[in-house]
N, C-alpha and C. Protein backbone atom coordinates (compact mmCIF):
# COMPACT_ATOMS: atom_id res chain seq x y z
N MET A 1 19.38 -5.94 -4.45
CA MET A 1 18.74 -5.53 -5.67
C MET A 1 19.79 -5.05 -6.67
N GLY A 2 20.84 -4.44 -6.14
CA GLY A 2 21.90 -3.98 -7.03
C GLY A 2 22.57 -5.13 -7.77
N LEU A 3 22.80 -6.24 -7.08
CA LEU A 3 23.41 -7.41 -7.74
C LEU A 3 22.46 -8.01 -8.77
N ARG A 4 21.19 -8.03 -8.44
CA ARG A 4 20.20 -8.63 -9.34
C ARG A 4 20.03 -7.83 -10.62
N THR A 5 20.05 -6.50 -10.52
CA THR A 5 19.83 -5.64 -11.69
C THR A 5 21.14 -5.18 -12.32
N HIS A 6 22.26 -5.56 -11.71
CA HIS A 6 23.60 -5.12 -12.18
C HIS A 6 23.68 -3.60 -12.23
N ASN A 7 23.08 -2.98 -11.23
CA ASN A 7 23.06 -1.53 -11.15
C ASN A 7 23.19 -1.15 -9.68
N PRO A 8 24.20 -0.34 -9.31
CA PRO A 8 24.36 0.02 -7.90
C PRO A 8 23.13 0.72 -7.31
N ALA A 9 22.37 1.39 -8.13
CA ALA A 9 21.15 2.06 -7.68
C ALA A 9 19.92 1.24 -8.06
N GLY A 10 20.07 -0.08 -8.08
CA GLY A 10 18.99 -0.97 -8.51
C GLY A 10 17.73 -0.84 -7.67
N TYR A 11 17.88 -0.62 -6.37
CA TYR A 11 16.70 -0.48 -5.51
C TYR A 11 15.86 0.72 -5.93
N PHE A 12 16.53 1.85 -6.19
CA PHE A 12 15.81 3.05 -6.59
C PHE A 12 15.19 2.88 -7.99
N HIS A 13 15.86 2.11 -8.84
CA HIS A 13 15.29 1.82 -10.16
C HIS A 13 14.00 1.01 -10.01
N MET A 14 14.01 0.01 -9.14
CA MET A 14 12.81 -0.79 -8.92
C MET A 14 11.70 0.06 -8.31
N GLN A 15 12.05 0.96 -7.42
CA GLN A 15 11.04 1.86 -6.85
C GLN A 15 10.37 2.68 -7.95
N SER A 16 11.16 3.18 -8.88
CA SER A 16 10.58 3.99 -9.95
C SER A 16 9.66 3.16 -10.83
N LEU A 17 9.96 1.88 -11.04
CA LEU A 17 9.07 1.01 -11.81
C LEU A 17 7.74 0.79 -11.09
N TRP A 18 7.75 0.82 -9.76
CA TRP A 18 6.53 0.66 -8.98
C TRP A 18 5.78 1.98 -8.81
N GLY A 19 6.32 3.06 -9.35
CA GLY A 19 5.68 4.35 -9.21
C GLY A 19 6.02 5.05 -7.90
N SER A 20 7.07 4.57 -7.23
CA SER A 20 7.49 5.15 -5.97
C SER A 20 8.82 5.86 -6.19
N ARG A 21 9.04 6.90 -5.44
CA ARG A 21 10.32 7.61 -5.57
C ARG A 21 10.66 8.28 -4.24
N PHE A 22 11.92 8.61 -4.08
CA PHE A 22 12.39 9.30 -2.88
C PHE A 22 12.32 10.79 -3.15
N ASP A 23 11.50 11.51 -2.39
CA ASP A 23 11.28 12.93 -2.64
C ASP A 23 11.79 13.82 -1.50
N PHE A 24 12.65 13.28 -0.65
CA PHE A 24 13.25 14.03 0.46
C PHE A 24 12.20 14.60 1.40
N GLY A 25 11.06 13.92 1.53
CA GLY A 25 10.04 14.33 2.49
C GLY A 25 9.05 15.37 2.00
N HIS A 26 9.05 15.69 0.71
CA HIS A 26 8.12 16.72 0.21
C HIS A 26 6.66 16.27 0.33
N HIS A 27 6.41 15.00 0.20
CA HIS A 27 5.04 14.50 0.35
C HIS A 27 4.70 14.24 1.82
N THR A 28 5.70 13.94 2.62
CA THR A 28 5.48 13.59 4.02
C THR A 28 5.01 14.79 4.83
N GLY A 29 5.58 15.95 4.59
CA GLY A 29 5.21 17.16 5.35
C GLY A 29 3.73 17.46 5.33
N PRO A 30 3.12 17.57 4.15
CA PRO A 30 1.67 17.83 4.11
C PRO A 30 0.84 16.71 4.75
N ARG A 31 1.28 15.45 4.62
CA ARG A 31 0.54 14.35 5.25
C ARG A 31 0.59 14.45 6.77
N VAL A 32 1.76 14.77 7.31
CA VAL A 32 1.88 14.92 8.76
C VAL A 32 1.04 16.09 9.24
N ARG A 33 1.08 17.19 8.51
CA ARG A 33 0.27 18.35 8.86
C ARG A 33 -1.21 17.99 8.84
N HIS A 34 -1.64 17.21 7.85
CA HIS A 34 -3.03 16.77 7.78
C HIS A 34 -3.39 15.90 8.99
N LEU A 35 -2.49 15.02 9.41
CA LEU A 35 -2.76 14.18 10.56
C LEU A 35 -2.90 14.99 11.85
N ILE A 36 -2.14 16.08 11.96
CA ILE A 36 -2.19 16.91 13.16
C ILE A 36 -3.40 17.83 13.14
N VAL A 37 -3.65 18.48 12.01
CA VAL A 37 -4.70 19.50 11.92
C VAL A 37 -6.03 18.92 11.45
N GLY A 38 -5.99 18.01 10.48
CA GLY A 38 -7.22 17.48 9.89
C GLY A 38 -7.81 16.35 10.70
N HIS A 39 -8.82 15.74 10.14
CA HIS A 39 -9.49 14.62 10.78
C HIS A 39 -9.43 13.44 9.83
N ASP A 40 -9.10 12.30 10.35
CA ASP A 40 -9.01 11.09 9.54
C ASP A 40 -9.47 9.90 10.36
N THR A 41 -9.43 8.72 9.76
CA THR A 41 -9.91 7.53 10.45
C THR A 41 -8.85 7.04 11.45
N LEU A 42 -9.30 6.24 12.38
CA LEU A 42 -8.40 5.68 13.39
C LEU A 42 -7.31 4.83 12.75
N VAL A 43 -7.63 4.14 11.66
CA VAL A 43 -6.65 3.29 11.00
C VAL A 43 -5.49 4.12 10.47
N VAL A 44 -5.77 5.29 9.95
CA VAL A 44 -4.71 6.15 9.43
C VAL A 44 -3.79 6.60 10.56
N TYR A 45 -4.38 6.96 11.70
CA TYR A 45 -3.56 7.37 12.85
C TYR A 45 -2.75 6.19 13.39
N ALA A 46 -3.35 5.02 13.43
CA ALA A 46 -2.63 3.83 13.90
C ALA A 46 -1.49 3.49 12.95
N THR A 47 -1.74 3.60 11.65
CA THR A 47 -0.69 3.32 10.67
C THR A 47 0.45 4.32 10.80
N ALA A 48 0.13 5.57 10.99
CA ALA A 48 1.17 6.59 11.17
C ALA A 48 2.01 6.29 12.41
N THR A 49 1.35 5.91 13.49
CA THR A 49 2.07 5.59 14.72
C THR A 49 2.97 4.38 14.54
N ILE A 50 2.45 3.35 13.90
CA ILE A 50 3.25 2.14 13.65
C ILE A 50 4.41 2.45 12.72
N SER A 51 4.15 3.24 11.68
CA SER A 51 5.23 3.59 10.74
C SER A 51 6.33 4.38 11.43
N LEU A 52 5.95 5.34 12.25
CA LEU A 52 6.97 6.11 12.96
C LEU A 52 7.74 5.23 13.93
N GLY A 53 7.04 4.35 14.59
CA GLY A 53 7.71 3.45 15.53
C GLY A 53 8.64 2.47 14.85
N SER A 54 8.24 1.98 13.65
CA SER A 54 9.08 1.00 12.98
C SER A 54 10.23 1.66 12.23
N LEU A 55 10.15 2.98 11.88
CA LEU A 55 11.27 3.63 11.21
C LEU A 55 12.37 3.97 12.17
N LEU A 56 12.10 4.04 13.49
CA LEU A 56 13.13 4.33 14.47
C LEU A 56 13.97 3.09 14.71
N PRO A 57 15.23 3.22 14.99
CA PRO A 57 16.04 2.03 15.26
C PRO A 57 15.59 1.37 16.55
N ALA A 58 15.15 0.14 16.44
CA ALA A 58 14.55 -0.55 17.58
C ALA A 58 15.58 -0.97 18.62
N PHE A 59 16.78 -1.28 18.20
CA PHE A 59 17.77 -1.80 19.15
C PHE A 59 18.02 -0.85 20.32
N PRO A 60 18.37 0.43 20.08
CA PRO A 60 18.61 1.32 21.23
C PRO A 60 17.34 1.59 22.04
N LEU A 61 16.19 1.57 21.39
CA LEU A 61 14.95 1.83 22.11
C LEU A 61 14.59 0.69 23.05
N LEU A 62 14.99 -0.51 22.71
CA LEU A 62 14.63 -1.67 23.52
C LEU A 62 15.67 -1.98 24.60
N LEU A 63 16.80 -1.30 24.60
CA LEU A 63 17.81 -1.56 25.62
C LEU A 63 17.30 -1.36 27.05
N PRO A 64 16.55 -0.29 27.37
CA PRO A 64 16.05 -0.17 28.74
C PRO A 64 15.06 -1.27 29.12
N LEU A 65 14.37 -1.84 28.15
CA LEU A 65 13.42 -2.90 28.41
C LEU A 65 14.09 -4.26 28.60
N ALA A 66 15.28 -4.43 28.04
CA ALA A 66 15.96 -5.73 28.07
C ALA A 66 16.22 -6.27 29.48
N PRO A 67 16.71 -5.47 30.45
CA PRO A 67 16.93 -6.03 31.78
C PRO A 67 15.64 -6.53 32.44
N HIS A 68 14.54 -5.82 32.20
CA HIS A 68 13.26 -6.25 32.77
C HIS A 68 12.78 -7.56 32.15
N LEU A 69 12.97 -7.68 30.83
CA LEU A 69 12.58 -8.93 30.17
C LEU A 69 13.49 -10.08 30.59
N ALA A 70 14.77 -9.79 30.83
CA ALA A 70 15.69 -10.85 31.25
C ALA A 70 15.34 -11.37 32.64
N ARG A 71 14.83 -10.51 33.51
CA ARG A 71 14.46 -10.93 34.87
C ARG A 71 13.06 -11.53 34.94
N SER A 72 12.26 -11.29 33.93
CA SER A 72 10.88 -11.77 34.00
C SER A 72 10.80 -13.27 33.74
N ARG A 73 9.73 -13.84 34.22
CA ARG A 73 9.52 -15.26 34.05
C ARG A 73 9.02 -15.56 32.65
N LEU A 74 9.13 -16.79 32.26
CA LEU A 74 8.71 -17.21 30.93
C LEU A 74 7.23 -16.89 30.69
N ARG A 75 6.43 -17.03 31.71
CA ARG A 75 4.99 -16.76 31.59
C ARG A 75 4.74 -15.29 31.20
N GLY A 76 5.48 -14.37 31.79
CA GLY A 76 5.33 -12.96 31.44
C GLY A 76 5.73 -12.67 30.01
N ILE A 77 6.79 -13.30 29.55
CA ILE A 77 7.24 -13.11 28.16
C ILE A 77 6.21 -13.69 27.20
N VAL A 78 5.69 -14.86 27.53
CA VAL A 78 4.66 -15.47 26.67
C VAL A 78 3.41 -14.59 26.62
N ASP A 79 3.02 -14.03 27.76
CA ASP A 79 1.86 -13.13 27.78
C ASP A 79 2.10 -11.90 26.92
N LEU A 80 3.28 -11.31 27.02
CA LEU A 80 3.62 -10.14 26.22
C LEU A 80 3.58 -10.46 24.73
N LEU A 81 4.20 -11.56 24.34
CA LEU A 81 4.22 -11.93 22.92
C LEU A 81 2.82 -12.27 22.42
N THR A 82 2.02 -12.91 23.25
CA THR A 82 0.64 -13.22 22.87
C THR A 82 -0.16 -11.95 22.65
N ALA A 83 0.02 -10.96 23.50
CA ALA A 83 -0.67 -9.68 23.33
C ALA A 83 -0.23 -8.99 22.05
N LEU A 84 1.06 -9.00 21.77
CA LEU A 84 1.56 -8.36 20.55
C LEU A 84 1.06 -9.07 19.30
N VAL A 85 1.02 -10.39 19.34
CA VAL A 85 0.49 -11.16 18.21
C VAL A 85 -1.00 -10.86 18.03
N GLY A 86 -1.73 -10.76 19.12
CA GLY A 86 -3.16 -10.44 19.04
C GLY A 86 -3.42 -9.09 18.41
N VAL A 87 -2.66 -8.09 18.84
CA VAL A 87 -2.81 -6.75 18.26
C VAL A 87 -2.47 -6.77 16.77
N SER A 88 -1.41 -7.46 16.42
CA SER A 88 -1.00 -7.56 15.02
C SER A 88 -2.06 -8.28 14.19
N LEU A 89 -2.61 -9.37 14.73
CA LEU A 89 -3.64 -10.12 14.04
C LEU A 89 -4.90 -9.27 13.83
N PHE A 90 -5.32 -8.55 14.87
CA PHE A 90 -6.49 -7.69 14.76
C PHE A 90 -6.26 -6.60 13.72
N TYR A 91 -5.11 -5.98 13.76
CA TYR A 91 -4.82 -4.89 12.82
C TYR A 91 -4.77 -5.41 11.38
N GLY A 92 -4.10 -6.55 11.18
CA GLY A 92 -4.04 -7.13 9.85
C GLY A 92 -5.40 -7.53 9.32
N ALA A 93 -6.23 -8.14 10.17
CA ALA A 93 -7.58 -8.52 9.75
C ALA A 93 -8.42 -7.28 9.43
N HIS A 94 -8.25 -6.23 10.21
CA HIS A 94 -8.98 -4.98 9.95
C HIS A 94 -8.58 -4.41 8.60
N LEU A 95 -7.29 -4.40 8.31
CA LEU A 95 -6.83 -3.86 7.03
C LEU A 95 -7.36 -4.68 5.86
N LEU A 96 -7.43 -6.00 6.04
CA LEU A 96 -7.90 -6.85 4.94
C LEU A 96 -9.40 -6.78 4.72
N THR A 97 -10.16 -6.58 5.78
CA THR A 97 -11.61 -6.70 5.65
C THR A 97 -12.36 -5.37 5.70
N VAL A 98 -11.86 -4.38 6.40
CA VAL A 98 -12.61 -3.14 6.61
C VAL A 98 -12.02 -1.96 5.85
N SER A 99 -10.72 -1.86 5.82
CA SER A 99 -10.08 -0.69 5.23
C SER A 99 -10.36 -0.61 3.74
N HIS A 100 -10.65 0.58 3.26
CA HIS A 100 -10.98 0.78 1.85
C HIS A 100 -9.83 1.38 1.05
N ARG A 101 -8.68 1.50 1.68
CA ARG A 101 -7.54 2.04 0.94
C ARG A 101 -6.26 1.38 1.41
N ALA A 102 -5.31 1.32 0.51
CA ALA A 102 -4.02 0.73 0.86
C ALA A 102 -3.27 1.70 1.76
N LEU A 103 -2.66 1.16 2.80
CA LEU A 103 -1.94 2.02 3.73
C LEU A 103 -0.47 1.77 3.63
């Protein structure tokens, strides 16, 4: 983005145009507190879990799983990937058809 906008902080400039900004977690704290103390829909909790999981670096987290996947048969890997695709498809379809707010 920096090359495209000829600005080293081009990414942050584009964020500001979209109405998004980096606030050092000032908005995140109350939202996390609401998730722990308050009550919300299952989709919000699932989104929070997925967001936390995807913000963590996946490479070190998957290292303990790698030897098991390397020893497993192709059928087991296909079953695992099929299950993950199914969960992703269900979640995406739910967000498109049922959810009433952008997550």
